[in-house]
C-alpha atoms as a PDB file:
ATOM      1  CA  UNK A   1     -34.387  -9.283  -7.545  1.00  0.00           C
ATOM      2  CA  UNK A   2     -33.961  -9.495  -4.321  1.00  0.00           C
ATOM      3  CA  UNK A   3     -34.887  -6.389  -3.111  1.00  0.00           C
ATOM      4  CA  UNK A   4     -38.193  -6.669  -5.493  1.00  0.00           C
ATOM      5  CA  UNK A   5     -38.929 -10.128  -3.802  1.00  0.00           C
ATOM      6  CA  UNK A   6     -38.856  -8.155  -0.560  1.00  0.00           C
ATOM      7  CA  UNK A   7     -40.666  -5.269  -1.262  1.00  0.00           C
ATOM      8  CA  UNK A   8     -43.008  -6.659  -3.451  1.00  0.00           C
ATOM      9  CA  UNK A   9     -45.586  -7.686  -0.408  1.00  0.00           C
ATOM     10  CA  UNK A  10     -44.926  -4.915   1.542  1.00  0.00           C
ATOM     11  CA  UNK A  11     -45.863  -2.337  -1.251  1.00  0.00           C
ATOM     12  CA  UNK A  12     -48.639  -4.799  -2.607  1.00  0.00           C
ATOM     13  CA  UNK A  13     -50.505  -3.589   0.911  1.00  0.00           C
ATOM     14  CA  UNK A  14     -49.248  -0.199  -0.117  1.00  0.00           C
ATOM     15  CA  UNK A  15     -51.395  -0.814  -3.156  1.00  0.00           C
ATOM     16  CA  UNK A  16     -48.882   0.217  -5.321  1.00  0.00           C
ATOM     17  CA  UNK A  17     -47.956  -2.578  -7.825  1.00  0.00           C
ATOM     18  CA  UNK A  18     -46.720  -4.038 -11.518  1.00  0.00           C
ATOM     19  CA  UNK A  19     -44.325  -2.391 -12.457  1.00  0.00           C
ATOM     20  CA  UNK A  20     -43.925   0.530  -9.496  1.00  0.00           C
ATOM     21  CA  UNK A  21     -42.555  -2.116  -8.309  1.00  0.00           C
ATOM     22  CA  UNK A  22     -39.508  -2.761 -10.207  1.00  0.00           C
ATOM     23  CA  UNK A  23     -39.187   1.361 -10.644  1.00  0.00           C
ATOM     24  CA  UNK A  24     -38.972   2.061  -6.529  1.00  0.00           C
ATOM     25  CA  UNK A  25     -36.522  -1.272  -6.146  1.00  0.00           C
ATOM     26  CA  UNK A  26     -34.377   0.706  -8.913  1.00  0.00           C
ATOM     27  CA  UNK A  27     -34.625   3.393  -6.974  1.00  0.00           C
ATOM     28  CA  UNK A  28     -34.022   2.044  -3.511  1.00  0.00           C
ATOM     29  CA  UNK A  29     -30.897   0.152  -4.985  1.00  0.00           C
ATOM     30  CA  UNK A  30     -29.688   3.617  -6.319  1.00  0.00           C
ATOM     31  CA  UNK A  31     -29.815   4.720  -3.216  1.00  0.00           C
ATOM     32  CA  UNK A  32     -28.041   2.509  -1.640  1.00  0.00           C
ATOM     33  CA  UNK A  33     -25.445   2.099  -4.081  1.00  0.00           C
ATOM     34  CA  UNK A  34     -25.318   6.063  -4.040  1.00  0.00           C
ATOM     35  CA  UNK A  35     -24.696   5.882  -0.926  1.00  0.00           C
ATOM     36  CA  UNK A  36     -21.554   2.915  -0.633  1.00  0.00           C
ATOM     37  CA  UNK A  37     -19.961   5.147  -3.067  1.00  0.00           C
ATOM     38  CA  UNK A  38     -19.969   9.141  -1.049  1.00  0.00           C
ATOM     39  CA  UNK A  39     -18.949   6.727   2.284  1.00  0.00           C
ATOM     40  CA  UNK A  40     -16.392   5.090   0.157  1.00  0.00           C
ATOM     41  CA  UNK A  41     -15.258   8.455  -1.039  1.00  0.00           C
ATOM     42  CA  UNK A  42     -15.751   9.824   2.650  1.00  0.00           C
ATOM     43  CA  UNK A  43     -12.378   7.188   3.294  1.00  0.00           C
ATOM     44  CA  UNK A  44     -10.343   8.332   0.556  1.00  0.00           C
ATOM     45  CA  UNK A  45     -11.036  12.256   0.685  1.00  0.00           C
ATOM     46  CA  UNK A  46      -9.352  11.375   5.231  1.00  0.00           C
ATOM     47  CA  UNK A  47      -6.805   9.009   3.978  1.00  0.00           C
ATOM     48  CA  UNK A  48      -5.737  11.487   1.185  1.00  0.00           C
ATOM     49  CA  UNK A  49      -5.883  14.324   4.265  1.00  0.00           C
ATOM     50  CA  UNK A  50      -3.780  12.508   6.828  1.00  0.00           C
ATOM     51  CA  UNK A  51      -1.433  12.191   3.260  1.00  0.00           C
ATOM     52  CA  UNK A  52      -1.145  15.141   2.153  1.00  0.00           C
ATOM     53  CA  UNK A  53      -0.508  16.669   6.334  1.00  0.00           C
ATOM     54  CA  UNK A  54       2.267  13.878   6.825  1.00  0.00           C
ATOM     55  CA  UNK A  55       3.941  14.900   3.516  1.00  0.00           C
ATOM     56  CA  UNK A  56       3.562  18.640   4.359  1.00  0.00           C
ATOM     57  CA  UNK A  57       5.553  17.935   7.886  1.00  0.00           C
ATOM     58  CA  UNK A  58       7.772  15.853   6.176  1.00  0.00           C
ATOM     59  CA  UNK A  59       8.626  18.627   3.816  1.00  0.00           C
ATOM     60  CA  UNK A  60       9.113  20.808   6.432  1.00  0.00           C
ATOM     61  CA  UNK A  61      10.851  19.716   8.477  1.00  0.00           C
ATOM     62  CA  UNK A  62      13.361  18.923   5.771  1.00  0.00           C
ATOM     63  CA  UNK A  63      13.542  22.587   4.299  1.00  0.00           C
ATOM     64  CA  UNK A  64      14.996  23.260   7.781  1.00  0.00           C
ATOM     65  CA  UNK A  65      17.216  20.515   8.040  1.00  0.00           C
ATOM     66  CA  UNK A  66      18.702  21.807   4.982  1.00  0.00           C
ATOM     67  CA  UNK A  67      18.356  25.585   5.561  1.00  0.00           C
ATOM     68  CA  UNK A  68      20.455  24.584   8.946  1.00  0.00           C
ATOM     69  CA  UNK A  69      22.883  23.096   7.258  1.00  0.00           C
ATOM     70  CA  UNK A  70      21.618  19.917   9.153  1.00  0.00           C
ATOM     71  CA  UNK A  71      21.065  17.836   5.946  1.00  0.00           C
ATOM     72  CA  UNK A  72      22.160  18.950   2.152  1.00  0.00           C
ATOM     73  CA  UNK A  73      21.155  17.958  -0.953  1.00  0.00           C
ATOM     74  CA  UNK A  74      23.293  15.474  -3.483  1.00  0.00           C
ATOM     75  CA  UNK A  75      20.704  15.919  -7.359  1.00  0.00           C
ATOM     76  CA  UNK A  76      23.139  12.456  -8.869  1.00  0.00           C
ATOM     77  CA  UNK A  77      21.282  10.627  -6.054  1.00  0.00           C
ATOM     78  CA  UNK A  78      17.785  12.329  -5.892  1.00  0.00           C
ATOM     79  CA  UNK A  79      17.882  11.529  -9.913  1.00  0.00           C
ATOM     80  CA  UNK A  80      19.323   8.412  -9.172  1.00  0.00           C
ATOM     81  CA  UNK A  81      17.040   7.066  -7.051  1.00  0.00           C
ATOM     82  CA  UNK A  82      14.135   8.338  -8.747  1.00  0.00           C
ATOM     83  CA  UNK A  83      15.159   6.333 -12.323  1.00  0.00           C
ATOM     84  CA  UNK A  84      15.354   3.266  -9.951  1.00  0.00           C
ATOM     85  CA  UNK A  85      11.758   3.610  -8.857  1.00  0.00           C
ATOM     86  CA  UNK A  86      10.168   3.901 -12.251  1.00  0.00           C
ATOM     87  CA  UNK A  87      11.805   1.487 -13.467  1.00  0.00           C
ATOM     88  CA  UNK A  88      11.472  -1.436 -10.479  1.00  0.00           C
ATOM     89  CA  UNK A  89       8.031   0.146 -10.174  1.00  0.00           C
ATOM     90  CA  UNK A  90       4.658  -0.790 -12.409  1.00  0.00           C
ATOM     91  CA  UNK A  91       2.721   2.543 -11.750  1.00  0.00           C
ATOM     92  CA  UNK A  92      -0.308   0.374 -14.128  1.00  0.00           C
ATOM     93  CA  UNK A  93      -0.311  -3.022 -11.737  1.00  0.00           C
ATOM     94  CA  UNK A  94      -0.065   0.181  -8.623  1.00  0.00           C
ATOM     95  CA  UNK A  95      -2.811   2.443  -9.913  1.00  0.00           C
ATOM     96  CA  UNK A  96      -5.147  -0.999 -10.600  1.00  0.00           C
ATOM     97  CA  UNK A  97      -4.212  -2.067  -7.183  1.00  0.00           C
ATOM     98  CA  UNK A  98      -5.036   1.014  -5.436  1.00  0.00           C
ATOM     99  CA  UNK A  99      -7.995   2.095  -7.799  1.00  0.00           C
ATOM    100  CA  UNK A 100      -9.470  -1.681  -6.707  1.00  0.00           C
ATOM    101  CA  UNK A 101      -8.832  -1.155  -2.928  1.00  0.00           C
ATOM    102  CA  UNK A 102     -11.162   2.156  -3.171  1.00  0.00           C
ATOM    103  CA  UNK A 103     -13.727   0.464  -5.086  1.00  0.00           C
ATOM    104  CA  UNK A 104     -14.607  -2.171  -2.295  1.00  0.00           C
END
């Protein structure tokens, strides 16, 4: 363990030896990993907040356009587009690639 090799001389100078060095190295590793995960989580929350805001703006603009009669809804076309999207998108691989990016 690289962390143990770095900490052992320092801890030996402080009078800590043996199992305590390994336990401290493991605890520091867990703390560093938790910090990394919290950073990734913060990025995911920020990205999710941005996407939520953008979708709300788009929904509001479309609602206003529908209300004013500028746009109209063709439900048959919407259902067709949803069906085509479900056929073309490989949801399993899409979710895997998103999770892979988030974990990095």
